[in-house]
Amino acid sequence: MKSLPASWAARSMAGFLVFPLLPVQTPTENPSLAPAPPMGFNNWARLECDLNETFFTETAQAMLKRGLLDVGYDFLTLDDCWMLHDRVEDGSLEWDTDKFPHGIPWLANYMKRNGLRLGTYQEPGPRTHAYIPSLSGEEIAFLSNKALIAVNQDPLGQQSALVSRDDTFDVLPRSLENRDRLLTVLNRRADAVTTTVSLARLGLSSQSGCKYHARNLLTDEVLTIDSAIEIHLDSHVAKVYRIALPKSCTKTTPTGMAFNTPSGLCMIASTDSVIFEKCSASDFQVWHVAATGDATKLTLSPLSDASVCLAAGDESSLAKWQSGTGITWYH
């Protein structure tokens, strides 16, 4: 394997970002972290400060009647403006009794009696969102989609990686606890378009005999993939696929892009170096992430040429490394 010198390391490494790093096939055990994203309702986007007690009790009842609690939506959050503008003499916050005549403790107990949990937003300074009852049946069906909720709450807790981006598409894969792969593709344009995502871009093998089944989590349609998946997307639409891996093809190789955060430019494998240019979703901008045997180190190779890897070196030479010198990166 050859190595690509990275003279930009001293000049451009600030803001360097790679998605993902290495796969972790066990759920998080940190007790200070939530095992999965919270599911619930926040009033700010719809009401901002025009909230009150009745709105939240009615919203709670709507969540119960429309089945949202049954599929996991158990939080209601008071997002700002529930408190008085000024703190009392001892520095504590008090609720606005005009908006919440029974008080916040009463409202919290009301939620608890109904199997819900109440959250509050506040800030440390001295001063200080959607409307469920009016949601359409289609919106409720989307929010209640058990297949989407299952991947949202997947115990592995792995974040999706932005594996490619251009002016039209975002492509984001991730791994699930049972080793399935999840693929999300977003059309950012105002017209309908079609794209193709290769197995290599998803970190999956395309060797003979590796056929994968991808299930559309919104329509339940199942596609068979042996080299790439073709996806048609309407304007500003995303599709989500859960990809089952055959027993003989369970290995995944993490893939992702590398950005210079201040500029937003993508790191590109050039002839004998790397450069930063506008993201175009080419294979020169997609990087395979490989383990080194050390949990804190990794290597990066462009999808365009697996025989080279990112290395720390000067900008004029293409040094052949020995014993991994200069090619491992801490994360």
C-alpha atoms as a PDB file:
ATOM      1  CA  MET A   1       0.000   0.000   0.000  1.00  0.00           C
ATOM      2  CA  LYS A   2       1.243   3.490  -0.857  1.00  0.00           C
ATOM      3  CA  SER A   3       0.604   6.487   1.341  1.00  0.00           C
ATOM      4  CA  LEU A   4      -0.659   9.960   0.583  1.00  0.00           C
ATOM      5  CA  PRO A   5       1.329  12.751   2.240  1.00  0.00           C
ATOM      6  CA  ALA A   6      -0.780  15.187   4.179  1.00  0.00           C
ATOM      7  CA  SER A   7       1.182  18.421   4.398  1.00  0.00           C
ATOM      8  CA  TRP A   8      -2.109  20.135   5.064  1.00  0.00           C
ATOM      9  CA  ALA A   9      -2.047  18.560   8.531  1.00  0.00           C
ATOM     10  CA  ALA A  10      -0.397  21.569  10.125  1.00  0.00           C
ATOM     11  CA  ARG A  11      -2.224  24.133   8.015  1.00  0.00           C
ATOM     12  CA  SER A  12      -5.702  22.750   7.490  1.00  0.00           C
ATOM     13  CA  MET A  13      -6.248  20.066  10.097  1.00  0.00           C
ATOM     14  CA  ALA A  14      -8.187  22.431  12.357  1.00  0.00           C
ATOM     15  CA  GLY A  15     -11.767  21.442  11.983  1.00  0.00           C
ATOM     16  CA  PHE A  16     -10.918  18.058  10.428  1.00  0.00           C
ATOM     17  CA  LEU A  17     -13.921  15.800  10.740  1.00  0.00           C
ATOM     18  CA  VAL A  18     -14.391  12.172   9.721  1.00  0.00           C
ATOM     19  CA  PHE A  19     -17.668  10.237   9.769  1.00  0.00           C
ATOM     20  CA  PRO A  20     -17.725   7.592  11.017  1.00  0.00           C
ATOM     21  CA  LEU A  21     -14.773   6.314  12.998  1.00  0.00           C
ATOM     22  CA  LEU A  22     -14.852   2.647  13.970  1.00  0.00           C
ATOM     23  CA  PRO A  23     -17.996   0.557  14.381  1.00  0.00           C
ATOM     24  CA  VAL A  24     -18.984  -0.366  17.912  1.00  0.00           C
ATOM     25  CA  GLN A  25     -21.205  -3.420  18.095  1.00  0.00           C
ATOM     26  CA  THR A  26     -22.257  -3.006  21.724  1.00  0.00           C
ATOM     27  CA  PRO A  27     -24.729  -0.521  23.203  1.00  0.00           C
ATOM     28  CA  THR A  28     -23.399   2.351  25.282  1.00  0.00           C
ATOM     29  CA  GLU A  29     -22.996   1.548  28.966  1.00  0.00           C
ATOM     30  CA  ASN A  30     -22.352   5.100  30.148  1.00  0.00           C
ATOM     31  CA  PRO A  31     -25.081   5.761  32.744  1.00  0.00           C
ATOM     32  CA  SER A  32     -24.940   9.501  32.049  1.00  0.00           C
ATOM     33  CA  LEU A  33     -26.020   8.989  28.426  1.00  0.00           C
ATOM     34  CA  ALA A  34     -29.525   8.200  27.234  1.00  0.00           C
ATOM     35  CA  PRO A  35     -29.532   4.750  25.585  1.00  0.00           C
ATOM     36  CA  ALA A  36     -31.591   6.126  22.662  1.00  0.00           C
ATOM     37  CA  PRO A  37     -32.968   9.504  21.503  1.00  0.00           C
ATOM     38  CA  PRO A  38     -35.927  10.827  23.523  1.00  0.00           C
ATOM     39  CA  MET A  39     -39.350  10.680  21.859  1.00  0.00           C
ATOM     40  CA  GLY A  40     -41.977  13.279  22.626  1.00  0.00           C
ATOM     41  CA  PHE A  41     -43.507  16.695  21.987  1.00  0.00           C
ATOM     42  CA  ASN A  42     -42.018  20.189  22.241  1.00  0.00           C
ATOM     43  CA  ASN A  43     -44.254  23.246  21.952  1.00  0.00           C
ATOM     44  CA  TRP A  44     -41.791  25.880  20.745  1.00  0.00           C
ATOM     45  CA  ALA A  45     -42.044  25.513  16.960  1.00  0.00           C
ATOM     46  CA  ARG A  46     -45.800  26.148  17.017  1.00  0.00           C
ATOM     47  CA  LEU A  47     -46.482  28.369  20.028  1.00  0.00           C
ATOM     48  CA  GLU A  48     -43.216  29.856  21.233  1.00  0.00           C
ATOM     49  CA  CYS A  49     -44.356  31.773  24.345  1.00  0.00           C
ATOM     50  CA  ASP A  50     -48.108  31.411  23.769  1.00  0.00           C
ATOM     51  CA  LEU A  51     -48.418  28.263  25.905  1.00  0.00           C
ATOM     52  CA  ASN A  52     -50.634  27.358  28.867  1.00  0.00           C
ATOM     53  CA  GLU A  53     -51.745  24.495  31.087  1.00  0.00           C
ATOM     54  CA  THR A  54     -54.814  23.587  29.027  1.00  0.00           C
ATOM     55  CA  PHE A  55     -52.761  23.248  25.861  1.00  0.00           C
ATOM     56  CA  PHE A  56     -50.517  20.667  27.525  1.00  0.00           C
ATOM     57  CA  THR A  57     -53.315  18.640  29.105  1.00  0.00           C
ATOM     58  CA  GLU A  58     -55.145  18.561  25.755  1.00  0.00           C
ATOM     59  CA  THR A  59     -51.943  17.588  23.959  1.00  0.00           C
ATOM     60  CA  ALA A  60     -51.375  14.793  26.468  1.00  0.00           C
ATOM     61  CA  GLN A  61     -54.879  13.441  25.868  1.00  0.00           C
ATOM     62  CA  ALA A  62     -54.372  13.663  22.098  1.00  0.00           C
ATOM     63  CA  MET A  63     -51.138  11.679  22.364  1.00  0.00           C
ATOM     64  CA  LEU A  64     -52.966   8.995  24.334  1.00  0.00           C
ATOM     65  CA  LYS A  65     -56.008   8.818  22.062  1.00  0.00           C
ATOM     66  CA  ARG A  66     -54.006   8.837  18.830  1.00  0.00           C
ATOM     67  CA  GLY A  67     -51.675   6.044  19.907  1.00  0.00           C
ATOM     68  CA  LEU A  68     -48.449   8.012  20.153  1.00  0.00           C
ATOM     69  CA  LEU A  69     -47.709   6.889  23.718  1.00  0.00           C
ATOM     70  CA  ASP A  70     -48.168   3.278  22.614  1.00  0.00           C
ATOM     71  CA  VAL A  71     -45.286   3.587  20.138  1.00  0.00           C
ATOM     72  CA  GLY A  72     -42.918   5.349  22.542  1.00  0.00           C
ATOM     73  CA  TYR A  73     -43.679   9.101  22.545  1.00  0.00           C
ATOM     74  CA  ASP A  74     -43.772   9.706  26.301  1.00  0.00           C
ATOM     75  CA  PHE A  75     -42.226  13.169  26.806  1.00  0.00           C
ATOM     76  CA  LEU A  76     -43.960  16.565  26.792  1.00  0.00           C
ATOM     77  CA  THR A  77     -41.590  19.496  27.141  1.00  0.00           C
ATOM     78  CA  LEU A  78     -42.438  23.037  28.230  1.00  0.00           C
ATOM     79  CA  ASP A  79     -40.037  24.943  26.008  1.00  0.00           C
ATOM     80  CA  ASP A  80     -39.515  28.337  27.651  1.00  0.00           C
ATOM     81  CA  CYS A  81     -41.957  31.023  28.843  1.00  0.00           C
ATOM     82  CA  TRP A  82     -43.578  28.841  31.512  1.00  0.00           C
ATOM     83  CA  MET A  83     -41.788  30.842  34.201  1.00  0.00           C
ATOM     84  CA  LEU A  84     -42.024  34.441  35.363  1.00  0.00           C
ATOM     85  CA  HIS A  85     -39.578  36.883  33.779  1.00  0.00           C
ATOM     86  CA  ASP A  86     -37.720  37.550  37.033  1.00  0.00           C
ATOM     87  CA  ARG A  87     -36.404  35.175  39.644  1.00  0.00           C
ATOM     88  CA  VAL A  88     -37.611  35.472  43.213  1.00  0.00           C
ATOM     89  CA  GLU A  89     -35.405  36.741  46.020  1.00  0.00           C
ATOM     90  CA  ASP A  90     -33.690  33.391  46.688  1.00  0.00           C
ATOM     91  CA  GLY A  91     -32.804  33.047  42.981  1.00  0.00           C
ATOM     92  CA  SER A  92     -35.301  30.315  42.139  1.00  0.00           C
ATOM     93  CA  LEU A  93     -37.740  30.284  39.233  1.00  0.00           C
ATOM     94  CA  GLU A  94     -41.504  30.431  39.689  1.00  0.00           C
ATOM     95  CA  TRP A  95     -44.147  29.442  37.156  1.00  0.00           C
ATOM     96  CA  ASP A  96     -46.532  31.946  35.618  1.00  0.00           C
ATOM     97  CA  THR A  97     -49.784  31.359  37.514  1.00  0.00           C
ATOM     98  CA  ASP A  98     -51.836  32.982  34.730  1.00  0.00           C
ATOM     99  CA  LYS A  99     -50.612  30.308  32.303  1.00  0.00           C
ATOM    100  CA  PHE A 100     -50.395  27.438  34.795  1.00  0.00           C
ATOM    101  CA  PRO A 101     -52.995  28.042  37.528  1.00  0.00           C
ATOM    102  CA  HIS A 102     -52.525  24.598  39.078  1.00  0.00           C
ATOM    103  CA  GLY A 103     -48.733  24.867  38.999  1.00  0.00           C
ATOM    104  CA  ILE A 104     -45.948  22.889  37.367  1.00  0.00           C
ATOM    105  CA  PRO A 105     -45.827  20.154  40.071  1.00  0.00           C
ATOM    106  CA  TRP A 106     -49.545  19.514  39.456  1.00  0.00           C
ATOM    107  CA  LEU A 107     -48.934  19.309  35.697  1.00  0.00           C
ATOM    108  CA  ALA A 108     -46.007  16.908  36.209  1.00  0.00           C
ATOM    109  CA  ASN A 109     -48.221  14.647  38.345  1.00  0.00           C
ATOM    110  CA  TYR A 110     -50.967  14.844  35.709  1.00  0.00           C
ATOM    111  CA  MET A 111     -48.531  13.583  33.091  1.00  0.00           C
ATOM    112  CA  LYS A 112     -47.255  10.840  35.387  1.00  0.00           C
ATOM    113  CA  ARG A 113     -50.791   9.578  36.077  1.00  0.00           C
ATOM    114  CA  ASN A 114     -51.269   9.240  32.325  1.00  0.00           C
ATOM    115  CA  GLY A 115     -48.005   7.373  31.748  1.00  0.00           C
ATOM    116  CA  LEU A 116     -46.198  10.442  30.384  1.00  0.00           C
ATOM    117  CA  ARG A 117     -43.197  12.467  31.499  1.00  0.00           C
ATOM    118  CA  LEU A 118     -42.919  16.250  31.733  1.00  0.00           C
ATOM    119  CA  GLY A 119     -39.790  18.122  30.758  1.00  0.00           C
ATOM    120  CA  THR A 120     -38.942  21.808  31.069  1.00  0.00           C
ATOM    121  CA  TYR A 121     -36.632  24.172  29.251  1.00  0.00           C
ATOM    122  CA  GLN A 122     -34.893  26.905  31.178  1.00  0.00           C
ATOM    123  CA  GLU A 123     -31.655  28.866  31.146  1.00  0.00           C
ATOM    124  CA  PRO A 124     -29.181  29.945  33.829  1.00  0.00           C
ATOM    125  CA  GLY A 125     -29.561  33.693  33.245  1.00  0.00           C
ATOM    126  CA  PRO A 126     -31.661  35.937  35.474  1.00  0.00           C
ATOM    127  CA  ARG A 127     -34.357  36.246  32.788  1.00  0.00           C
ATOM    128  CA  THR A 128     -35.544  34.241  30.883  1.00  0.00           C
ATOM    129  CA  HIS A 129     -42.832  23.870  19.471  1.00  0.00           C
ATOM    130  CA  ALA A 130     -46.251  21.617  16.193  1.00  0.00           C
ATOM    131  CA  TYR A 131     -49.781  20.966  17.485  1.00  0.00           C
ATOM    132  CA  ILE A 132     -50.621  17.296  18.013  1.00  0.00           C
ATOM    133  CA  PRO A 133     -54.455  17.503  18.071  1.00  0.00           C
ATOM    134  CA  SER A 134     -54.479  18.907  14.513  1.00  0.00           C
ATOM    135  CA  LEU A 135     -52.049  16.404  12.951  1.00  0.00           C
ATOM    136  CA  SER A 136     -53.393  14.619   9.882  1.00  0.00           C
ATOM    137  CA  GLY A 137     -53.852  10.868   9.740  1.00  0.00           C
ATOM    138  CA  GLU A 138     -50.891  10.665   7.366  1.00  0.00           C
ATOM    139  CA  GLU A 139     -48.687  12.546   9.834  1.00  0.00           C
ATOM    140  CA  ILE A 140     -49.778  10.318  12.717  1.00  0.00           C
ATOM    141  CA  ALA A 141     -49.066   7.228  10.586  1.00  0.00           C
ATOM    142  CA  PHE A 142     -45.567   8.530   9.855  1.00  0.00           C
ATOM    143  CA  LEU A 143     -44.873   9.316  13.513  1.00  0.00           C
ATOM    144  CA  SER A 144     -46.224   5.884  14.502  1.00  0.00           C
ATOM    145  CA  ASN A 145     -44.178   3.927  11.937  1.00  0.00           C
ATOM    146  CA  LYS A 146     -42.788   1.114  14.092  1.00  0.00           C
ATOM    147  CA  ALA A 147     -39.998   0.266  11.657  1.00  0.00           C
ATOM    148  CA  LEU A 148     -38.668   3.840  11.782  1.00  0.00           C
ATOM    149  CA  ILE A 149     -39.062   4.007  15.547  1.00  0.00           C
ATOM    150  CA  ALA A 150     -37.147   0.733  15.903  1.00  0.00           C
ATOM    151  CA  VAL A 151     -34.083   2.119  14.113  1.00  0.00           C
ATOM    152  CA  ASN A 152     -34.390   5.454  15.937  1.00  0.00           C
ATOM    153  CA  GLN A 153     -34.330   3.598  19.251  1.00  0.00           C
ATOM    154  CA  ASP A 154     -31.827   0.922  18.177  1.00  0.00           C
ATOM    155  CA  PRO A 155     -29.779  -0.140  21.239  1.00  0.00           C
ATOM    156  CA  LEU A 156     -26.459   0.192  19.411  1.00  0.00           C
ATOM    157  CA  GLY A 157     -26.979   3.953  19.404  1.00  0.00           C
ATOM    158  CA  GLN A 158     -24.704   4.569  16.409  1.00  0.00           C
ATOM    159  CA  GLN A 159     -25.039   7.890  14.604  1.00  0.00           C
ATOM    160  CA  SER A 160     -25.490   7.883  10.828  1.00  0.00           C
ATOM    161  CA  ALA A 161     -22.421   8.873   8.815  1.00  0.00           C
ATOM    162  CA  LEU A 162     -22.493  11.369   5.961  1.00  0.00           C
ATOM    163  CA  VAL A 163     -20.807   9.187   3.355  1.00  0.00           C
ATOM    164  CA  SER A 164     -21.375  11.452   0.353  1.00  0.00           C
ATOM    165  CA  ARG A 165     -22.803  14.868  -0.447  1.00  0.00           C
ATOM    166  CA  ASP A 166     -23.208  17.046  -3.514  1.00  0.00           C
ATOM    167  CA  ASP A 167     -25.669  19.753  -4.579  1.00  0.00           C
ATOM    168  CA  THR A 168     -28.455  17.156  -4.845  1.00  0.00           C
ATOM    169  CA  PHE A 169     -28.039  14.208  -2.480  1.00  0.00           C
ATOM    170  CA  ASP A 170     -27.019  13.390   1.061  1.00  0.00           C
ATOM    171  CA  VAL A 171     -26.247   9.686   1.622  1.00  0.00           C
ATOM    172  CA  LEU A 172     -26.075   8.462   5.219  1.00  0.00           C
ATOM    173  CA  PRO A 173     -25.518   4.824   6.303  1.00  0.00           C
ATOM    174  CA  ARG A 174     -25.175   3.386   9.803  1.00  0.00           C
ATOM    175  CA  SER A 175     -25.022   0.003  11.528  1.00  0.00           C
ATOM    176  CA  LEU A 176     -27.734  -1.481  13.749  1.00  0.00           C
ATOM    177  CA  GLU A 177     -27.365  -3.779  16.739  1.00  0.00           C
ATOM    178  CA  ASN A 178     -28.241  -6.942  14.778  1.00  0.00           C
ATOM    179  CA  ARG A 179     -25.617  -5.933  12.137  1.00  0.00           C
ATOM    180  CA  ASP A 180     -28.175  -4.759   9.579  1.00  0.00           C
ATOM    181  CA  ARG A 181     -27.201  -1.566   7.738  1.00  0.00           C
ATOM    182  CA  LEU A 182     -29.465   1.449   7.549  1.00  0.00           C
ATOM    183  CA  LEU A 183     -29.383   3.712   4.485  1.00  0.00           C
ATOM    184  CA  THR A 184     -30.965   7.166   4.332  1.00  0.00           C
ATOM    185  CA  VAL A 185     -30.873   9.200   1.102  1.00  0.00           C
ATOM    186  CA  LEU A 186     -32.138  12.793   0.929  1.00  0.00           C
ATOM    187  CA  ASN A 187     -32.996  14.728  -2.237  1.00  0.00           C
ATOM    188  CA  ARG A 188     -32.149  18.370  -1.531  1.00  0.00           C
ATOM    189  CA  ARG A 189     -33.447  19.666  -4.878  1.00  0.00           C
ATOM    190  CA  ALA A 190     -36.870  21.011  -5.857  1.00  0.00           C
ATOM    191  CA  ASP A 191     -37.400  18.407  -8.602  1.00  0.00           C
ATOM    192  CA  ALA A 192     -37.587  14.611  -8.745  1.00  0.00           C
ATOM    193  CA  VAL A 193     -34.260  12.833  -9.297  1.00  0.00           C
ATOM    194  CA  THR A 194     -32.746   9.341  -9.337  1.00  0.00           C
ATOM    195  CA  THR A 195     -29.445   8.261  -7.827  1.00  0.00           C
ATOM    196  CA  THR A 196     -27.437   5.059  -7.440  1.00  0.00           C
ATOM    197  CA  VAL A 197     -25.563   4.106  -4.267  1.00  0.00           C
ATOM    198  CA  SER A 198     -22.894   1.409  -4.562  1.00  0.00           C
ATOM    199  CA  LEU A 199     -22.323  -1.343  -2.021  1.00  0.00           C
ATOM    200  CA  ALA A 200     -18.746  -0.094  -1.583  1.00  0.00           C
ATOM    201  CA  ARG A 201     -20.085   3.296  -0.542  1.00  0.00           C
ATOM    202  CA  LEU A 202     -22.201   1.535   2.078  1.00  0.00           C
ATOM    203  CA  GLY A 203     -19.175  -0.364   3.345  1.00  0.00           C
ATOM    204  CA  LEU A 204     -20.546  -3.686   2.081  1.00  0.00           C
ATOM    205  CA  SER A 205     -18.906  -6.402  -0.012  1.00  0.00           C
ATOM    206  CA  SER A 206     -19.886  -6.866  -3.661  1.00  0.00           C
ATOM    207  CA  GLN A 207     -18.169 -10.243  -4.027  1.00  0.00           C
ATOM    208  CA  SER A 208     -19.978 -13.041  -5.814  1.00  0.00           C
ATOM    209  CA  GLY A 209     -22.790 -14.498  -3.736  1.00  0.00           C
ATOM    210  CA  CYS A 210     -23.362 -11.365  -1.665  1.00  0.00           C
ATOM    211  CA  LYS A 211     -26.950 -10.358  -2.321  1.00  0.00           C
ATOM    212  CA  TYR A 212     -28.587  -7.972   0.108  1.00  0.00           C
ATOM    213  CA  HIS A 213     -32.260  -7.270   0.744  1.00  0.00           C
ATOM    214  CA  ALA A 214     -33.152  -3.612   1.327  1.00  0.00           C
ATOM    215  CA  ARG A 215     -36.565  -2.841   2.803  1.00  0.00           C
ATOM    216  CA  ASN A 216     -38.077   0.624   2.346  1.00  0.00           C
ATOM    217  CA  LEU A 217     -39.236   1.471   5.870  1.00  0.00           C
ATOM    218  CA  LEU A 218     -42.042   3.722   4.611  1.00  0.00           C
ATOM    219  CA  THR A 219     -43.566   1.503   1.910  1.00  0.00           C
ATOM    220  CA  ASP A 220     -42.321  -1.951   3.010  1.00  0.00           C
ATOM    221  CA  GLU A 221     -41.071  -2.578  -0.549  1.00  0.00           C
ATOM    222  CA  VAL A 222     -38.047  -4.921  -0.649  1.00  0.00           C
ATOM    223  CA  LEU A 223     -35.240  -4.569  -3.211  1.00  0.00           C
ATOM    224  CA  THR A 224     -32.419  -7.023  -3.929  1.00  0.00           C
ATOM    225  CA  ILE A 225     -28.935  -5.501  -4.228  1.00  0.00           C
ATOM    226  CA  ASP A 226     -25.897  -7.214  -5.740  1.00  0.00           C
ATOM    227  CA  SER A 227     -23.779  -4.191  -6.700  1.00  0.00           C
ATOM    228  CA  ALA A 228     -25.759  -0.971  -6.145  1.00  0.00           C
ATOM    229  CA  ILE A 229     -29.199   0.321  -5.211  1.00  0.00           C
ATOM    230  CA  GLU A 230     -31.085   2.712  -7.505  1.00  0.00           C
ATOM    231  CA  ILE A 231     -33.356   5.167  -5.701  1.00  0.00           C
ATOM    232  CA  HIS A 232     -35.920   7.588  -7.155  1.00  0.00           C
ATOM    233  CA  LEU A 233     -36.744  10.568  -4.955  1.00  0.00           C
ATOM    234  CA  ASP A 234     -39.392  13.242  -5.325  1.00  0.00           C
ATOM    235  CA  SER A 235     -38.636  16.865  -4.435  1.00  0.00           C
ATOM    236  CA  HIS A 236     -37.144  17.292  -0.942  1.00  0.00           C
ATOM    237  CA  VAL A 237     -37.943  13.678  -0.046  1.00  0.00           C
ATOM    238  CA  ALA A 238     -35.872  11.193   1.951  1.00  0.00           C
ATOM    239  CA  LYS A 239     -36.047   7.402   1.749  1.00  0.00           C
ATOM    240  CA  VAL A 240     -34.875   5.029   4.461  1.00  0.00           C
ATOM    241  CA  TYR A 241     -33.840   1.417   3.801  1.00  0.00           C
ATOM    242  CA  ARG A 242     -32.985  -1.330   6.262  1.00  0.00           C
ATOM    243  CA  ILE A 243     -30.497  -3.674   4.597  1.00  0.00           C
ATOM    244  CA  ALA A 244     -30.265  -7.278   5.799  1.00  0.00           C
ATOM    245  CA  LEU A 245     -26.825  -8.867   5.445  1.00  0.00           C
ATOM    246  CA  PRO A 246     -26.549 -12.527   4.340  1.00  0.00           C
ATOM    247  CA  LYS A 247     -24.669 -14.796   6.740  1.00  0.00           C
ATOM    248  CA  SER A 248     -21.733 -15.127   4.340  1.00  0.00           C
ATOM    249  CA  CYS A 249     -21.373 -11.341   3.890  1.00  0.00           C
ATOM    250  CA  THR A 250     -21.652  -9.765   7.337  1.00  0.00           C
ATOM    251  CA  LYS A 251     -18.443  -7.717   7.286  1.00  0.00           C
ATOM    252  CA  THR A 252     -18.870  -3.942   7.063  1.00  0.00           C
ATOM    253  CA  THR A 253     -16.196  -1.320   6.478  1.00  0.00           C
ATOM    254  CA  PRO A 254     -17.031   2.118   7.899  1.00  0.00           C
ATOM    255  CA  THR A 255     -17.087   4.820   5.229  1.00  0.00           C
ATOM    256  CA  GLY A 256     -17.405   8.562   5.456  1.00  0.00           C
ATOM    257  CA  MET A 257     -16.308  11.989   4.304  1.00  0.00           C
ATOM    258  CA  ALA A 258     -13.682  14.288   5.775  1.00  0.00           C
ATOM    259  CA  PHE A 259     -14.345  18.013   5.979  1.00  0.00           C
ATOM    260  CA  ASN A 260     -12.454  21.146   6.795  1.00  0.00           C
ATOM    261  CA  THR A 261     -15.035  22.587   9.163  1.00  0.00           C
ATOM    262  CA  PRO A 262     -14.350  26.335   8.682  1.00  0.00           C
ATOM    263  CA  SER A 263     -14.557  26.103   4.878  1.00  0.00           C
ATOM    264  CA  GLY A 264     -16.989  23.190   4.497  1.00  0.00           C
ATOM    265  CA  LEU A 265     -14.753  21.760   1.765  1.00  0.00           C
ATOM    266  CA  CYS A 266     -14.211  18.019   1.328  1.00  0.00           C
ATOM    267  CA  MET A 267     -10.874  16.242   1.566  1.00  0.00           C
ATOM    268  CA  ILE A 268     -10.023  14.675  -1.811  1.00  0.00           C
ATOM    269  CA  ALA A 269      -7.412  12.071  -2.701  1.00  0.00           C
ATOM    270  CA  SER A 270      -5.305  13.571  -5.485  1.00  0.00           C
ATOM    271  CA  THR A 271      -2.433  11.949  -7.423  1.00  0.00           C
ATOM    272  CA  ASP A 272       0.062  11.920  -4.574  1.00  0.00           C
ATOM    273  CA  SER A 273      -1.489  14.161  -1.939  1.00  0.00           C
ATOM    274  CA  VAL A 274      -4.804  15.389  -0.604  1.00  0.00           C
ATOM    275  CA  ILE A 275      -6.589  18.645  -1.371  1.00  0.00           C
ATOM    276  CA  PHE A 276      -9.766  20.335  -0.177  1.00  0.00           C
ATOM    277  CA  GLU A 277     -12.443  21.186  -2.748  1.00  0.00           C
ATOM    278  CA  LYS A 278     -16.203  21.537  -3.032  1.00  0.00           C
ATOM    279  CA  CYS A 279     -18.039  18.331  -2.143  1.00  0.00           C
ATOM    280  CA  SER A 280     -19.122  16.461  -5.286  1.00  0.00           C
ATOM    281  CA  ALA A 281     -19.804  12.925  -3.966  1.00  0.00           C
ATOM    282  CA  SER A 282     -16.987  11.389  -6.033  1.00  0.00           C
ATOM    283  CA  ASP A 283     -15.152   8.255  -4.893  1.00  0.00           C
ATOM    284  CA  PHE A 284     -12.079  10.454  -4.352  1.00  0.00           C
ATOM    285  CA  GLN A 285     -13.992  12.103  -1.469  1.00  0.00           C
ATOM    286  CA  VAL A 286     -15.267   8.939   0.235  1.00  0.00           C
ATOM    287  CA  TRP A 287     -12.926   7.306   2.735  1.00  0.00           C
ATOM    288  CA  HIS A 288     -12.797   3.771   4.108  1.00  0.00           C
ATOM    289  CA  VAL A 289     -11.953   3.652   7.810  1.00  0.00           C
ATOM    290  CA  ALA A 290      -9.942   0.626   8.947  1.00  0.00           C
ATOM    291  CA  ALA A 291      -8.987  -0.611  12.399  1.00  0.00           C
ATOM    292  CA  THR A 292      -5.333  -0.998  13.365  1.00  0.00           C
ATOM    293  CA  GLY A 293      -5.602  -3.261  16.403  1.00  0.00           C
ATOM    294  CA  ASP A 294      -5.424  -0.217  18.679  1.00  0.00           C
ATOM    295  CA  ALA A 295      -8.854   1.066  19.706  1.00  0.00           C
ATOM    296  CA  THR A 296      -7.642   4.678  19.535  1.00  0.00           C
ATOM    297  CA  LYS A 297      -6.039   4.511  16.068  1.00  0.00           C
ATOM    298  CA  LEU A 298      -7.305   4.075  12.516  1.00  0.00           C
ATOM    299  CA  THR A 299      -6.253   4.346   8.883  1.00  0.00           C
ATOM    300  CA  LEU A 300      -8.045   6.084   6.010  1.00  0.00           C
ATOM    301  CA  SER A 301      -8.091   5.003   2.357  1.00  0.00           C
ATOM    302  CA  PRO A 302     -10.043   6.657  -0.474  1.00  0.00           C
ATOM    303  CA  LEU A 303     -12.753   4.625  -2.147  1.00  0.00           C
ATOM    304  CA  SER A 304     -11.123   5.520  -5.474  1.00  0.00           C
ATOM    305  CA  ASP A 305      -7.902   3.601  -4.691  1.00  0.00           C
ATOM    306  CA  ALA A 306      -7.646   1.123  -1.823  1.00  0.00           C
ATOM    307  CA  SER A 307      -3.875   0.783  -2.386  1.00  0.00           C
ATOM    308  CA  VAL A 308      -3.116   4.195  -0.886  1.00  0.00           C
ATOM    309  CA  CYS A 309      -3.819   5.631   2.527  1.00  0.00           C
ATOM    310  CA  LEU A 310      -3.716   9.005   4.209  1.00  0.00           C
ATOM    311  CA  ALA A 311      -0.307   9.695   5.734  1.00  0.00           C
ATOM    312  CA  ALA A 312       1.471  12.506   7.521  1.00  0.00           C
ATOM    313  CA  GLY A 313       4.371  13.631   5.318  1.00  0.00           C
ATOM    314  CA  ASP A 314       5.834  16.552   3.417  1.00  0.00           C
ATOM    315  CA  GLU A 315       4.103  18.007   0.398  1.00  0.00           C
ATOM    316  CA  SER A 316       6.632  16.972  -2.238  1.00  0.00           C
ATOM    317  CA  SER A 317       7.266  13.265  -1.659  1.00  0.00           C
ATOM    318  CA  LEU A 318       5.311  10.032  -1.744  1.00  0.00           C
ATOM    319  CA  ALA A 319       7.030   8.064   0.996  1.00  0.00           C
ATOM    320  CA  LYS A 320       6.469   4.345   1.194  1.00  0.00           C
ATOM    321  CA  TRP A 321       5.740   3.593   4.793  1.00  0.00           C
ATOM    322  CA  GLN A 322       7.029   0.648   6.772  1.00  0.00           C
ATOM    323  CA  SER A 323       5.341  -0.871   9.824  1.00  0.00           C
ATOM    324  CA  GLY A 324       2.579   1.677   9.545  1.00  0.00           C
ATOM    325  CA  THR A 325       4.804   4.723  10.185  1.00  0.00           C
ATOM    326  CA  GLY A 326       2.867   7.939   9.639  1.00  0.00           C
ATOM    327  CA  ILE A 327      -0.391   6.395   8.490  1.00  0.00           C
ATOM    328  CA  THR A 328      -2.301   5.834  11.727  1.00  0.00           C
ATOM    329  CA  TRP A 329      -4.548   8.547  13.104  1.00  0.00           C
ATOM    330  CA  TYR A 330      -5.817   9.008  16.638  1.00  0.00           C
ATOM    331  CA  HIS A 331      -9.518   9.468  17.270  1.00  0.00           C
END
